[in-house]
Amino acid sequence: MYDIQPLIERVRSYAKRAGIEEKTASYRVFVDVDRLGSLLDDKTCTVRTAKTAWATRDSLEAKLEHAA
């Protein structure tokens, strides 16, 4: 099973650093406003979705750091 908790924490951290709502961060990372909430409610996602989300989140973090 894939450990999704670190991804959840990083998406929430990204939302806080970017000054956006978690639903907005969820949409930007997962292209789904409800995915982060579902994961927080102990739902799962596929490994492929998680890997794509990690890459997207990393890209968003890099843009955020570059803009600062």
Protein backbone atom coordinates (compact mmCIF):
# COMPACT_ATOMS: atom_id res chain seq x y z
CA MET A 1 0.00 0.00 0.00
CA TYR A 2 1.19 3.50 -0.83
CA ASP A 3 1.72 5.86 2.14
CA ILE A 4 -0.29 8.93 1.17
CA GLN A 5 0.15 10.86 4.43
CA PRO A 6 3.36 12.70 3.39
CA LEU A 7 1.62 13.90 0.22
CA ILE A 8 -1.37 15.15 2.21
CA GLU A 9 0.94 17.08 4.52
CA ARG A 10 2.87 18.60 1.62
CA VAL A 11 -0.29 19.69 -0.21
CA ARG A 12 -1.61 21.31 2.98
CA SER A 13 1.76 23.00 3.50
CA TYR A 14 1.71 24.26 -0.09
CA ALA A 15 -1.76 25.73 0.45
CA LYS A 16 -0.61 27.55 3.55
CA ARG A 17 2.57 28.90 1.93
CA ALA A 18 0.71 29.98 -1.19
CA GLY A 19 -2.03 31.64 0.85
CA ILE A 20 -4.79 29.64 -0.81
CA GLU A 21 -7.58 27.42 0.45
CA GLU A 22 -6.95 23.69 0.68
CA LYS A 23 -9.67 23.05 -1.92
CA THR A 24 -7.78 25.29 -4.34
CA ALA A 25 -4.55 23.45 -3.61
CA SER A 26 -6.40 20.16 -4.07
CA TYR A 27 -7.56 21.29 -7.50
CA ARG A 28 -4.12 22.47 -8.52
CA VAL A 29 -2.41 19.27 -7.41
CA PHE A 30 -5.05 16.62 -8.13
CA VAL A 31 -7.27 18.49 -10.63
CA ASP A 32 -10.07 17.62 -8.20
CA VAL A 33 -11.29 20.02 -5.49
CA ASP A 34 -12.49 17.15 -3.31
CA ARG A 35 -9.53 14.76 -3.54
CA LEU A 36 -7.57 16.20 -0.61
CA GLY A 37 -10.68 16.09 1.56
CA SER A 38 -11.29 12.50 0.56
CA LEU A 39 -7.73 11.57 1.45
CA LEU A 40 -8.13 13.30 4.81
CA ASP A 41 -11.23 11.13 5.35
CA ASP A 42 -9.04 8.01 4.90
CA LYS A 43 -10.05 7.36 1.32
CA THR A 44 -7.39 6.12 -1.07
CA CYS A 45 -6.09 6.96 -4.51
CA THR A 46 -4.13 5.00 -7.06
CA VAL A 47 -0.36 4.99 -7.03
CA ARG A 48 -0.45 6.63 -10.44
CA THR A 49 -2.59 9.49 -9.10
CA ALA A 50 -0.26 9.89 -6.12
CA LYS A 51 2.87 9.96 -8.29
CA THR A 52 1.32 12.51 -10.64
CA ALA A 53 0.26 14.61 -7.65
CA TRP A 54 3.79 14.53 -6.21
CA ALA A 55 5.24 15.76 -9.49
CA THR A 56 2.61 18.47 -9.82
CA ARG A 57 3.07 19.58 -6.22
CA ASP A 58 6.85 19.73 -6.68
CA SER A 59 6.40 21.89 -9.77
CA LEU A 60 3.99 24.23 -7.95
CA GLU A 61 6.40 24.52 -5.00
CA ALA A 62 9.25 25.39 -7.36
CA LYS A 63 7.16 28.12 -8.99
CA LEU A 64 6.20 29.45 -5.57
CA GLU A 65 9.84 29.61 -4.46
CA HIS A 66 10.92 31.19 -7.74
CA ALA A 67 8.25 33.90 -7.40
CA ALA A 68 9.38 34.76 -3.86
